Amino acid sequence: MEQMIHRNMTIEEIFTRFPQKSQKLAQEMTNAGLHCVGCSASTWETVEAGMYSHGMTDEMIDGLLGRLNAILSEKVDLTTITITPRASKKLLEILEDEGKTGWGLRYGERAAGCSGFEYFLDFSEKAKSDDQTLVSQDIPIHINAKLADRLMGSVIDYVDGLQGAGFKISNPNVKSACGCGTSHGY
């Protein structure tokens, strides 16, 4: 039986049970107005209590739970790295603005944050000798070949909302993540 998110789960429990989807889940909760993601209230406050304390209705709670469980059921291709159409569009705009049309994306991680690692994205004119190159949305993605096992299956998206805009990464290989969604561990 597939595990699902329900009203009586704490925010912390959600991130603990589903770390590989924590970044997408955190973004969806924040977009819904549940701002205790990453704060100390997340250790004891349930989804239901958090939503009620922010003035949300039962219908809004049910809607959020439906979206969170849809995120859990999304299938992931562990043989590649995917850039969403929204992220592709934004990246191509940035490349053009920077005078780097035709360049690709460098994707990797470095030691940082409270959970061990954080992702980085950068411009990449060409692959390095120790890189593996993948293509998504006609954009070359360069990753260090030594990191391939940990990065494969990642989805790079772009979100633009009231809580900020930027590229967001979801990686199914992650086993732990911080509450704020900026660092992760294996």
C-alpha atoms as a PDB file:
ATOM      1  CA  MET A   1       0.000   0.000   0.000  1.00  0.00           C
ATOM      2  CA  GLU A   2       1.316   3.422  -0.953  1.00  0.00           C
ATOM      3  CA  GLN A   3       1.996   5.831   1.909  1.00  0.00           C
ATOM      4  CA  MET A   4      -0.060   8.981   1.781  1.00  0.00           C
ATOM      5  CA  ILE A   5      -0.101  12.316   3.577  1.00  0.00           C
ATOM      6  CA  HIS A   6      -3.085  12.921   5.841  1.00  0.00           C
ATOM      7  CA  ARG A   7      -4.428  15.742   8.041  1.00  0.00           C
ATOM      8  CA  ASN A   8      -2.945  14.443  11.276  1.00  0.00           C
ATOM      9  CA  MET A   9       0.658  14.169  10.092  1.00  0.00           C
ATOM     10  CA  THR A  10       3.050  16.794  11.392  1.00  0.00           C
ATOM     11  CA  ILE A  11       5.005  18.823   8.864  1.00  0.00           C
ATOM     12  CA  GLU A  12       8.211  17.308  10.250  1.00  0.00           C
ATOM     13  CA  GLU A  13       6.819  13.787   9.830  1.00  0.00           C
ATOM     14  CA  ILE A  14       6.023  14.496   6.191  1.00  0.00           C
ATOM     15  CA  PHE A  15       9.593  15.601   5.477  1.00  0.00           C
ATOM     16  CA  THR A  16      11.014  12.668   7.462  1.00  0.00           C
ATOM     17  CA  ARG A  17       8.909  10.078   5.648  1.00  0.00           C
ATOM     18  CA  PHE A  18       9.245  11.579   2.164  1.00  0.00           C
ATOM     19  CA  PRO A  19      12.674  13.302   1.999  1.00  0.00           C
ATOM     20  CA  GLN A  20      13.070  12.572  -1.721  1.00  0.00           C
ATOM     21  CA  LYS A  21      10.075  14.802  -2.406  1.00  0.00           C
ATOM     22  CA  SER A  22      10.611  17.307   0.435  1.00  0.00           C
ATOM     23  CA  GLN A  23      11.504  20.260  -1.761  1.00  0.00           C
ATOM     24  CA  LYS A  24       8.393  19.938  -3.904  1.00  0.00           C
ATOM     25  CA  LEU A  25       6.212  19.259  -0.869  1.00  0.00           C
ATOM     26  CA  ALA A  26       7.615  22.273   0.999  1.00  0.00           C
ATOM     27  CA  GLN A  27       6.998  24.525  -2.001  1.00  0.00           C
ATOM     28  CA  GLU A  28       3.404  23.299  -2.361  1.00  0.00           C
ATOM     29  CA  MET A  29       2.712  23.838   1.347  1.00  0.00           C
ATOM     30  CA  THR A  30       4.208  27.315   1.257  1.00  0.00           C
ATOM     31  CA  ASN A  31       2.230  28.189  -1.881  1.00  0.00           C
ATOM     32  CA  ALA A  32      -0.930  27.103  -0.054  1.00  0.00           C
ATOM     33  CA  GLY A  33      -0.186  29.529   2.788  1.00  0.00           C
ATOM     34  CA  LEU A  34       1.206  27.011   5.279  1.00  0.00           C
ATOM     35  CA  HIS A  35       4.174  29.090   6.394  1.00  0.00           C
ATOM     36  CA  CYS A  36       5.351  26.916   9.302  1.00  0.00           C
ATOM     37  CA  VAL A  37       7.390  24.782   6.891  1.00  0.00           C
ATOM     38  CA  GLY A  38      10.891  24.832   8.368  1.00  0.00           C
ATOM     39  CA  CYS A  39       9.972  26.562  11.641  1.00  0.00           C
ATOM     40  CA  SER A  40       9.862  24.993  15.101  1.00  0.00           C
ATOM     41  CA  ALA A  41       6.079  24.582  14.892  1.00  0.00           C
ATOM     42  CA  SER A  42       6.571  21.941  12.208  1.00  0.00           C
ATOM     43  CA  THR A  43       7.734  19.410  14.803  1.00  0.00           C
ATOM     44  CA  TRP A  44       4.380  19.294  16.605  1.00  0.00           C
ATOM     45  CA  GLU A  45       1.858  21.013  14.364  1.00  0.00           C
ATOM     46  CA  THR A  46      -0.224  18.838  12.072  1.00  0.00           C
ATOM     47  CA  VAL A  47      -1.171  19.860   8.550  1.00  0.00           C
ATOM     48  CA  GLU A  48      -4.725  20.365   9.754  1.00  0.00           C
ATOM     49  CA  ALA A  49      -3.753  22.493  12.785  1.00  0.00           C
ATOM     50  CA  GLY A  50      -1.352  24.568  10.695  1.00  0.00           C
ATOM     51  CA  MET A  51      -3.944  25.222   8.020  1.00  0.00           C
ATOM     52  CA  TYR A  52      -6.635  26.085  10.577  1.00  0.00           C
ATOM     53  CA  SER A  53      -4.256  28.480  12.366  1.00  0.00           C
ATOM     54  CA  HIS A  54      -3.737  30.267   9.045  1.00  0.00           C
ATOM     55  CA  GLY A  55      -7.498  30.640   8.558  1.00  0.00           C
ATOM     56  CA  MET A  56      -7.892  27.870   5.974  1.00  0.00           C
ATOM     57  CA  THR A  57     -11.099  25.906   5.440  1.00  0.00           C
ATOM     58  CA  ASP A  58     -11.650  22.154   5.266  1.00  0.00           C
ATOM     59  CA  GLU A  59     -11.936  22.448   1.484  1.00  0.00           C
ATOM     60  CA  MET A  60      -8.553  24.201   1.330  1.00  0.00           C
ATOM     61  CA  ILE A  61      -6.997  21.496   3.524  1.00  0.00           C
ATOM     62  CA  ASP A  62      -8.443  18.754   1.334  1.00  0.00           C
ATOM     63  CA  GLY A  63      -7.152  20.565  -1.762  1.00  0.00           C
ATOM     64  CA  LEU A  64      -3.638  20.805  -0.321  1.00  0.00           C
ATOM     65  CA  LEU A  65      -3.667  17.140   0.714  1.00  0.00           C
ATOM     66  CA  GLY A  66      -4.727  16.187  -2.812  1.00  0.00           C
ATOM     67  CA  ARG A  67      -1.844  18.194  -4.319  1.00  0.00           C
ATOM     68  CA  LEU A  68       0.686  16.792  -1.820  1.00  0.00           C
ATOM     69  CA  ASN A  69      -0.384  13.214  -2.505  1.00  0.00           C
ATOM     70  CA  ALA A  70      -0.255  13.887  -6.256  1.00  0.00           C
ATOM     71  CA  ILE A  71       3.395  14.921  -5.780  1.00  0.00           C
ATOM     72  CA  LEU A  72       4.058  11.634  -3.968  1.00  0.00           C
ATOM     73  CA  SER A  73       2.549   9.637  -6.824  1.00  0.00           C
ATOM     74  CA  GLU A  74       4.600  11.339  -9.561  1.00  0.00           C
ATOM     75  CA  LYS A  75       6.806   8.834 -11.353  1.00  0.00           C
ATOM     76  CA  VAL A  76      10.498   9.631 -11.691  1.00  0.00           C
ATOM     77  CA  ASP A  77      12.882   8.574 -14.470  1.00  0.00           C
ATOM     78  CA  LEU A  78      16.032   7.487 -12.628  1.00  0.00           C
ATOM     79  CA  THR A  79      18.040   7.307 -15.856  1.00  0.00           C
ATOM     80  CA  THR A  80      18.155  11.030 -16.575  1.00  0.00           C
ATOM     81  CA  ILE A  81      17.799  14.555 -15.231  1.00  0.00           C
ATOM     82  CA  THR A  82      14.690  16.450 -16.271  1.00  0.00           C
ATOM     83  CA  ILE A  83      14.190  20.166 -16.784  1.00  0.00           C
ATOM     84  CA  THR A  84      10.517  21.136 -16.728  1.00  0.00           C
ATOM     85  CA  PRO A  85       9.158  23.274 -19.574  1.00  0.00           C
ATOM     86  CA  ARG A  86       8.763  26.197 -17.149  1.00  0.00           C
ATOM     87  CA  ALA A  87      12.409  25.907 -16.009  1.00  0.00           C
ATOM     88  CA  SER A  88      13.586  25.533 -19.598  1.00  0.00           C
ATOM     89  CA  LYS A  89      11.803  28.705 -20.638  1.00  0.00           C
ATOM     90  CA  LYS A  90      13.306  30.677 -17.748  1.00  0.00           C
ATOM     91  CA  LEU A  91      16.805  29.290 -18.292  1.00  0.00           C
ATOM     92  CA  LEU A  92      16.699  30.154 -22.004  1.00  0.00           C
ATOM     93  CA  GLU A  93      15.579  33.715 -21.123  1.00  0.00           C
ATOM     94  CA  ILE A  94      18.468  34.074 -18.667  1.00  0.00           C
ATOM     95  CA  LEU A  95      20.996  32.659 -21.136  1.00  0.00           C
ATOM     96  CA  GLU A  96      19.832  35.130 -23.778  1.00  0.00           C
ATOM     97  CA  ASP A  97      19.957  38.053 -21.313  1.00  0.00           C
ATOM     98  CA  GLU A  98      23.504  37.039 -20.322  1.00  0.00           C
ATOM     99  CA  GLY A  99      24.660  36.727 -23.942  1.00  0.00           C
ATOM    100  CA  LYS A 100      25.130  32.977 -23.552  1.00  0.00           C
ATOM    101  CA  THR A 101      22.617  31.637 -26.048  1.00  0.00           C
ATOM    102  CA  GLY A 102      23.447  28.031 -26.894  1.00  0.00           C
ATOM    103  CA  TRP A 103      25.149  27.317 -23.576  1.00  0.00           C
ATOM    104  CA  GLY A 104      24.007  24.541 -21.271  1.00  0.00           C
ATOM    105  CA  LEU A 105      23.448  24.084 -17.591  1.00  0.00           C
ATOM    106  CA  ARG A 106      25.959  22.836 -15.025  1.00  0.00           C
ATOM    107  CA  TYR A 107      24.190  20.980 -12.216  1.00  0.00           C
ATOM    108  CA  GLY A 108      25.920  19.668  -9.134  1.00  0.00           C
ATOM    109  CA  GLU A 109      26.133  19.759  -5.387  1.00  0.00           C
ATOM    110  CA  ARG A 110      28.583  20.863  -2.737  1.00  0.00           C
ATOM    111  CA  ALA A 111      29.004  20.295   0.982  1.00  0.00           C
ATOM    112  CA  ALA A 112      26.897  22.881   2.809  1.00  0.00           C
ATOM    113  CA  GLY A 113      23.816  23.455   4.936  1.00  0.00           C
ATOM    114  CA  CYS A 114      22.504  21.701   8.001  1.00  0.00           C
ATOM    115  CA  SER A 115      21.877  18.364   6.233  1.00  0.00           C
ATOM    116  CA  GLY A 116      25.178  17.938   4.379  1.00  0.00           C
ATOM    117  CA  PHE A 117      24.814  19.082   0.753  1.00  0.00           C
ATOM    118  CA  GLU A 118      23.200  21.772  -1.347  1.00  0.00           C
ATOM    119  CA  TYR A 119      22.635  21.933  -5.086  1.00  0.00           C
ATOM    120  CA  PHE A 120      24.098  24.477  -7.439  1.00  0.00           C
ATOM    121  CA  LEU A 121      23.203  25.493 -10.974  1.00  0.00           C
ATOM    122  CA  ASP A 122      25.491  27.468 -13.248  1.00  0.00           C
ATOM    123  CA  PHE A 123      26.037  28.299 -16.901  1.00  0.00           C
ATOM    124  CA  SER A 124      28.121  25.779 -18.849  1.00  0.00           C
ATOM    125  CA  GLU A 125      29.575  26.544 -22.241  1.00  0.00           C
ATOM    126  CA  LYS A 126      30.868  23.007 -22.740  1.00  0.00           C
ATOM    127  CA  ALA A 127      31.312  19.781 -20.840  1.00  0.00           C
ATOM    128  CA  LYS A 128      34.500  19.153 -18.863  1.00  0.00           C
ATOM    129  CA  SER A 129      36.551  15.994 -19.398  1.00  0.00           C
ATOM    130  CA  ASP A 130      35.084  14.342 -16.283  1.00  0.00           C
ATOM    131  CA  ASP A 131      31.476  15.320 -17.082  1.00  0.00           C
ATOM    132  CA  GLN A 132      28.498  13.320 -18.161  1.00  0.00           C
ATOM    133  CA  THR A 133      26.184  15.190 -20.530  1.00  0.00           C
ATOM    134  CA  LEU A 134      22.424  14.706 -20.582  1.00  0.00           C
ATOM    135  CA  VAL A 135      19.826  16.632 -22.557  1.00  0.00           C
ATOM    136  CA  SER A 136      16.388  17.766 -21.430  1.00  0.00           C
ATOM    137  CA  GLN A 137      14.140  20.213 -23.273  1.00  0.00           C
ATOM    138  CA  ASP A 138      17.003  20.543 -25.826  1.00  0.00           C
ATOM    139  CA  ILE A 139      19.266  21.958 -23.094  1.00  0.00           C
ATOM    140  CA  PRO A 140      22.589  20.207 -22.409  1.00  0.00           C
ATOM    141  CA  ILE A 141      23.051  19.412 -18.718  1.00  0.00           C
ATOM    142  CA  HIS A 142      26.628  18.868 -17.552  1.00  0.00           C
ATOM    143  CA  ILE A 143      27.230  16.959 -14.327  1.00  0.00           C
ATOM    144  CA  ASN A 144      30.397  15.562 -12.826  1.00  0.00           C
ATOM    145  CA  ALA A 145      30.289  11.842 -13.658  1.00  0.00           C
ATOM    146  CA  LYS A 146      31.166  10.961 -10.040  1.00  0.00           C
ATOM    147  CA  LEU A 147      27.887  12.549  -8.914  1.00  0.00           C
ATOM    148  CA  ALA A 148      25.681  10.819 -11.491  1.00  0.00           C
ATOM    149  CA  ASP A 149      24.362   8.120  -9.126  1.00  0.00           C
ATOM    150  CA  ARG A 150      23.212  10.753  -6.636  1.00  0.00           C
ATOM    151  CA  LEU A 151      21.787  13.240  -9.156  1.00  0.00           C
ATOM    152  CA  MET A 152      20.001  10.940 -11.621  1.00  0.00           C
ATOM    153  CA  GLY A 153      16.239  11.236 -11.401  1.00  0.00           C
ATOM    154  CA  SER A 154      16.379  14.895 -10.388  1.00  0.00           C
ATOM    155  CA  VAL A 155      13.759  17.261 -11.711  1.00  0.00           C
ATOM    156  CA  ILE A 156      14.722  20.921 -12.112  1.00  0.00           C
ATOM    157  CA  ASP A 157      11.721  23.238 -12.020  1.00  0.00           C
ATOM    158  CA  TYR A 158      11.199  26.987 -11.806  1.00  0.00           C
ATOM    159  CA  VAL A 159       8.673  28.495  -9.422  1.00  0.00           C
ATOM    160  CA  ASP A 160       7.521  32.077  -9.234  1.00  0.00           C
ATOM    161  CA  GLY A 161       5.239  32.943  -6.356  1.00  0.00           C
ATOM    162  CA  LEU A 162       4.621  35.182  -3.391  1.00  0.00           C
ATOM    163  CA  GLN A 163       7.198  33.295  -1.344  1.00  0.00           C
ATOM    164  CA  GLY A 164       9.958  33.871  -3.895  1.00  0.00           C
ATOM    165  CA  ALA A 165      11.065  32.802  -7.290  1.00  0.00           C
ATOM    166  CA  GLY A 166      13.822  30.489  -8.398  1.00  0.00           C
ATOM    167  CA  PHE A 167      14.898  27.120  -9.637  1.00  0.00           C
ATOM    168  CA  LYS A 168      13.829  24.230  -7.399  1.00  0.00           C
ATOM    169  CA  ILE A 169      15.280  20.749  -7.501  1.00  0.00           C
ATOM    170  CA  SER A 170      13.602  17.517  -6.501  1.00  0.00           C
ATOM    171  CA  ASN A 171      15.888  14.501  -6.181  1.00  0.00           C
ATOM    172  CA  PRO A 172      14.475  11.010  -5.473  1.00  0.00           C
ATOM    173  CA  ASN A 173      17.847   9.820  -4.116  1.00  0.00           C
ATOM    174  CA  VAL A 174      17.773  12.119  -1.099  1.00  0.00           C
ATOM    175  CA  LYS A 175      17.264  10.328   2.230  1.00  0.00           C
ATOM    176  CA  SER A 176      17.127  13.346   4.547  1.00  0.00           C
ATOM    177  CA  ALA A 177      16.459  17.049   4.141  1.00  0.00           C
ATOM    178  CA  CYS A 178      16.333  20.089   6.356  1.00  0.00           C
ATOM    179  CA  GLY A 179      12.961  21.626   7.126  1.00  0.00           C
ATOM    180  CA  CYS A 180      13.690  24.718   5.066  1.00  0.00           C
ATOM    181  CA  GLY A 181      14.376  22.564   2.002  1.00  0.00           C
ATOM    182  CA  THR A 182      17.779  24.027   1.131  1.00  0.00           C
ATOM    183  CA  SER A 183      20.102  21.181   2.103  1.00  0.00           C
ATOM    184  CA  HIS A 184      19.925  17.427   1.951  1.00  0.00           C
ATOM    185  CA  GLY A 185      21.739  14.178   2.760  1.00  0.00           C
ATOM    186  CA  TYR A 186      22.003  10.621   1.473  1.00  0.00           C
END
